[in-house]
Protein backbone atom coordinates (compact mmCIF):
# COMPACT_ATOMS: atom_id res chain seq x y z
CA UNK A 1 -4.65 -36.84 39.04
CA UNK A 2 -6.55 -33.57 38.76
CA UNK A 3 -6.51 -31.59 35.53
CA UNK A 4 -4.05 -28.73 35.59
CA UNK A 5 -5.57 -25.30 34.98
CA UNK A 6 -3.92 -23.57 32.00
CA UNK A 7 -2.88 -19.92 32.36
CA UNK A 8 -4.94 -18.72 29.38
CA UNK A 9 -8.62 -18.35 28.56
CA UNK A 10 -10.13 -19.81 25.40
CA UNK A 11 -13.10 -18.60 23.41
CA UNK A 12 -14.35 -20.55 20.38
CA UNK A 13 -14.30 -18.94 16.98
CA UNK A 14 -16.21 -19.79 13.83
CA UNK A 15 -13.60 -22.00 12.16
CA UNK A 16 -12.86 -24.38 15.06
CA UNK A 17 -9.68 -22.52 15.91
CA UNK A 18 -9.47 -21.49 19.54
CA UNK A 19 -8.09 -18.12 20.51
CA UNK A 20 -6.84 -17.47 24.02
CA UNK A 21 -4.94 -14.77 25.77
CA UNK A 22 -1.88 -15.91 27.71
CA UNK A 23 -1.72 -14.35 31.14
CA UNK A 24 1.54 -13.62 32.91
CA UNK A 25 2.14 -14.26 36.62
CA UNK A 26 0.34 -11.07 37.65
CA UNK A 27 -2.74 -11.82 35.55
CA UNK A 28 -2.03 -9.24 32.84
CA UNK A 29 -2.44 -10.02 29.19
CA UNK A 30 0.76 -11.20 27.56
CA UNK A 31 1.11 -12.93 24.21
CA UNK A 32 -1.87 -14.00 22.17
CA UNK A 33 -2.04 -17.72 21.45
CA UNK A 34 -3.83 -19.13 18.43
CA UNK A 35 -4.55 -22.84 18.58
CA UNK A 36 -5.31 -24.79 15.42
CA UNK A 37 -5.44 -28.52 15.88
CA UNK A 38 -2.50 -29.55 18.05
CA UNK A 39 -0.12 -26.65 17.38
CA UNK A 40 0.12 -23.20 18.91
CA UNK A 41 1.25 -20.19 16.95
CA UNK A 42 2.46 -17.25 19.00
CA UNK A 43 1.82 -13.67 17.98
CA UNK A 44 3.68 -11.29 20.23
CA UNK A 45 1.93 -8.43 21.90
CA UNK A 46 2.64 -4.85 20.91
CA UNK A 47 4.95 -4.41 23.90
CA UNK A 48 7.39 -7.06 22.76
CA UNK A 49 7.20 -7.00 18.96
CA UNK A 50 4.95 -4.92 16.70
CA UNK A 51 1.91 -6.68 15.32
CA UNK A 52 0.88 -6.12 11.73
CA UNK A 53 -1.53 -3.24 11.98
CA UNK A 54 -4.28 -2.38 9.56
CA UNK A 55 -1.96 0.06 7.79
CA UNK A 56 0.15 -2.63 6.13
CA UNK A 57 -2.68 -4.43 4.28
CA UNK A 58 -4.49 -1.20 3.49
CA UNK A 59 -1.30 0.29 2.06
CA UNK A 60 -0.78 -2.78 -0.10
CA UNK A 61 -4.39 -2.72 -1.33
CA UNK A 62 -4.42 0.98 -2.19
CA UNK A 63 -1.03 0.66 -3.92
CA UNK A 64 -2.38 -2.28 -5.93
CA UNK A 65 -5.61 -0.43 -6.78
CA UNK A 66 -3.63 2.57 -8.02
CA UNK A 67 -1.38 0.26 -10.06
CA UNK A 68 -4.35 -1.50 -11.68
CA UNK A 69 -5.94 1.81 -12.65
CA UNK A 70 -2.67 3.08 -14.18
CA UNK A 71 -2.37 -0.13 -16.22
CA UNK A 72 -5.99 0.31 -17.32
CA UNK A 73 -5.15 3.86 -18.41
CA UNK A 74 -2.39 2.44 -20.62
CA UNK A 75 -4.97 0.36 -22.44
CA UNK A 76 -7.56 3.10 -22.83
CA UNK A 77 -5.58 6.33 -23.04
CA UNK A 78 -7.00 7.26 -26.46
CA UNK A 79 -10.07 9.04 -25.02
CA UNK A 80 -7.96 11.11 -22.62
CA UNK A 81 -5.52 12.00 -25.39
CA UNK A 82 -8.40 13.13 -27.61
CA UNK A 83 -9.84 15.19 -24.71
CA UNK A 84 -6.52 17.06 -24.55
CA UNK A 85 -6.68 18.10 -28.21
CA UNK A 86 -8.99 20.39 -30.20
CA UNK A 87 -11.64 18.77 -32.37
CA UNK A 88 -9.60 19.32 -35.53
CA UNK A 89 -6.03 18.20 -34.91
CA UNK A 90 -3.24 16.74 -36.98
CA UNK A 91 -1.75 13.31 -36.59
CA UNK A 92 1.49 14.84 -35.26
CA UNK A 93 -0.38 16.66 -32.48
CA UNK A 94 -2.15 13.43 -31.54
CA UNK A 95 1.11 11.46 -31.49
CA UNK A 96 2.81 14.15 -29.41
CA UNK A 97 0.01 14.11 -26.83
CA UNK A 98 -0.07 10.29 -26.86
CA UNK A 99 3.69 10.16 -26.29
CA UNK A 100 3.36 12.57 -23.37
CA UNK A 101 0.68 10.35 -21.83
CA UNK A 102 2.78 7.21 -22.32
CA UNK A 103 5.79 8.90 -20.70
CA UNK A 104 3.70 10.02 -17.72
CA UNK A 105 2.23 6.55 -17.21
CA UNK A 106 5.66 4.92 -17.64
CA UNK A 107 7.26 7.18 -15.04
CA UNK A 108 4.36 6.35 -12.72
CA UNK A 109 5.07 2.64 -13.17
CA UNK A 110 8.74 3.26 -12.39
CA UNK A 111 7.79 5.01 -9.16
CA UNK A 112 5.52 2.07 -8.33
CA UNK A 113 8.55 -0.19 -8.67
CA UNK A 114 10.51 1.98 -6.21
CA UNK A 115 7.65 1.93 -3.70
CA UNK A 116 7.01 -1.78 -4.03
CA UNK A 117 10.70 -2.60 -3.53
CA UNK A 118 10.82 -0.47 -0.40
CA UNK A 119 7.55 -1.88 0.90
CA UNK A 120 8.19 -5.56 0.18
CA UNK A 121 11.82 -5.44 1.37
CA UNK A 122 10.64 -4.18 4.75
CA UNK A 123 12.36 -0.81 4.59
CA UNK A 124 9.06 1.04 5.01
CA UNK A 125 6.58 -1.75 5.73
CA UNK A 126 6.22 -0.92 9.43
CA UNK A 127 6.89 2.80 9.19
CA UNK A 128 3.54 4.19 10.29
CA UNK A 129 4.07 7.67 8.85
CA UNK A 130 5.00 6.35 5.40
CA UNK A 131 2.21 3.76 5.50
CA UNK A 132 -0.43 6.32 6.42
CA UNK A 133 0.80 8.86 3.88
CA UNK A 134 1.11 6.26 1.12
CA UNK A 135 -2.32 4.79 1.88
CA UNK A 136 -4.00 8.18 1.80
CA UNK A 137 -2.26 9.39 -1.34
CA UNK A 138 -2.71 6.16 -3.30
CA UNK A 139 -6.39 5.98 -2.31
CA UNK A 140 -6.78 9.58 -3.48
CA UNK A 141 -4.98 8.72 -6.70
CA UNK A 142 -7.21 5.72 -7.30
CA UNK A 143 -10.34 7.86 -6.91
CA UNK A 144 -8.95 10.74 -8.99
CA UNK A 145 -7.77 8.40 -11.76
CA UNK A 146 -11.18 6.75 -11.90
CA UNK A 147 -12.67 10.18 -12.58
CA UNK A 148 -9.82 10.83 -15.03
CA UNK A 149 -10.65 7.61 -16.86
CA UNK A 150 -14.45 7.73 -16.84
CA UNK A 151 -14.95 11.47 -17.24
CA UNK A 152 -12.23 11.67 -19.93
CA UNK A 153 -10.33 14.51 -18.31
CA UNK A 154 -7.66 16.50 -20.11
CA UNK A 155 -4.24 14.81 -20.12
CA UNK A 156 -2.57 17.77 -18.44
CA UNK A 157 -4.53 17.08 -15.26
CA UNK A 158 -2.75 13.75 -14.93
CA UNK A 159 0.46 15.58 -14.01
CA UNK A 160 -1.18 17.03 -10.89
CA UNK A 161 -2.35 13.58 -9.81
CA UNK A 162 1.12 12.23 -10.61
CA UNK A 163 2.95 14.91 -8.59
CA UNK A 164 0.92 14.59 -5.40
CA UNK A 165 -0.09 10.92 -5.44
CA UNK A 166 2.86 9.12 -7.07
CA UNK A 167 5.98 11.28 -6.86
CA UNK A 168 5.54 12.37 -3.24
CA UNK A 169 5.26 8.85 -1.71
CA UNK A 170 8.10 7.61 -3.94
CA UNK A 171 10.32 10.52 -2.86
CA UNK A 172 9.69 9.68 0.79
CA UNK A 173 10.43 6.03 0.01
CA UNK A 174 13.78 7.03 -1.50
CA UNK A 175 14.47 9.11 1.62
CA UNK A 176 13.77 6.03 3.75
CA UNK A 177 16.14 4.00 1.55
CA UNK A 178 18.86 6.58 2.18
CA UNK A 179 18.19 6.58 5.92
CA UNK A 180 18.21 2.79 6.21
CA UNK A 181 21.00 1.81 3.84
CA UNK A 182 23.11 4.96 3.77
CA UNK A 183 22.91 6.18 7.37
CA UNK A 184 22.15 2.75 8.91
CA UNK A 185 19.08 4.00 10.76
CA UNK A 186 16.22 1.73 11.84
CA UNK A 187 13.31 1.66 9.36
CA UNK A 188 10.79 2.36 12.13
C-alpha cells in the first residue's frame, strides 16, 4: 500500500513542532496547522476567523508598562510634589500638593480598571482602532511618565499626561461598552 500524500506542506521549526499550511482543493492556502507530537491545533485563517494580531499583545504590554510606572509614581511621588512647590513651603502646602498627586494617580488607576475590564472581557480586544489608539497613547504615557519620574517634573504636568494618555482611551472604552451592551452592536 503506497503512502497517501497529505494536502499540506511541512517545514521544521526549532522546537520540533512542525508547521504546515493546509491547502484547499484548488491549491490555495486555507487554515494553518500546527503539529506538536500527535495532535493538530487549528488556527483559522483571517478569512474565516480573525487571528490574534500584533496589536493585542502590544496593547496589553503598553497598558501594563503604563500601570507599573503609575504604581512606581505612588511610591516615589515625594520628589515630584517637592518640584511643584517653592523652596520654602509650609506643611499644609506640601500636604495639599501631595493629596492632589494621590488623587490624580488614584483616578488613573480607576481608569486602568475600566480599560482592563473592557480589554479582558473581549469588548475591545479585537477592535483595531481602539487597540491602535490605546497602544500609542499608553506607550506615549509610559515614556512621558518616565521623564516625569526621573526628571522630577512639576506635578501640574501630570494632568496633561493624564488627560491625553489615560482619560481618552478610557472614554473610548466606555463608548465601546455602551455600543456593545447598550445598543447590542458587535465589538469589532
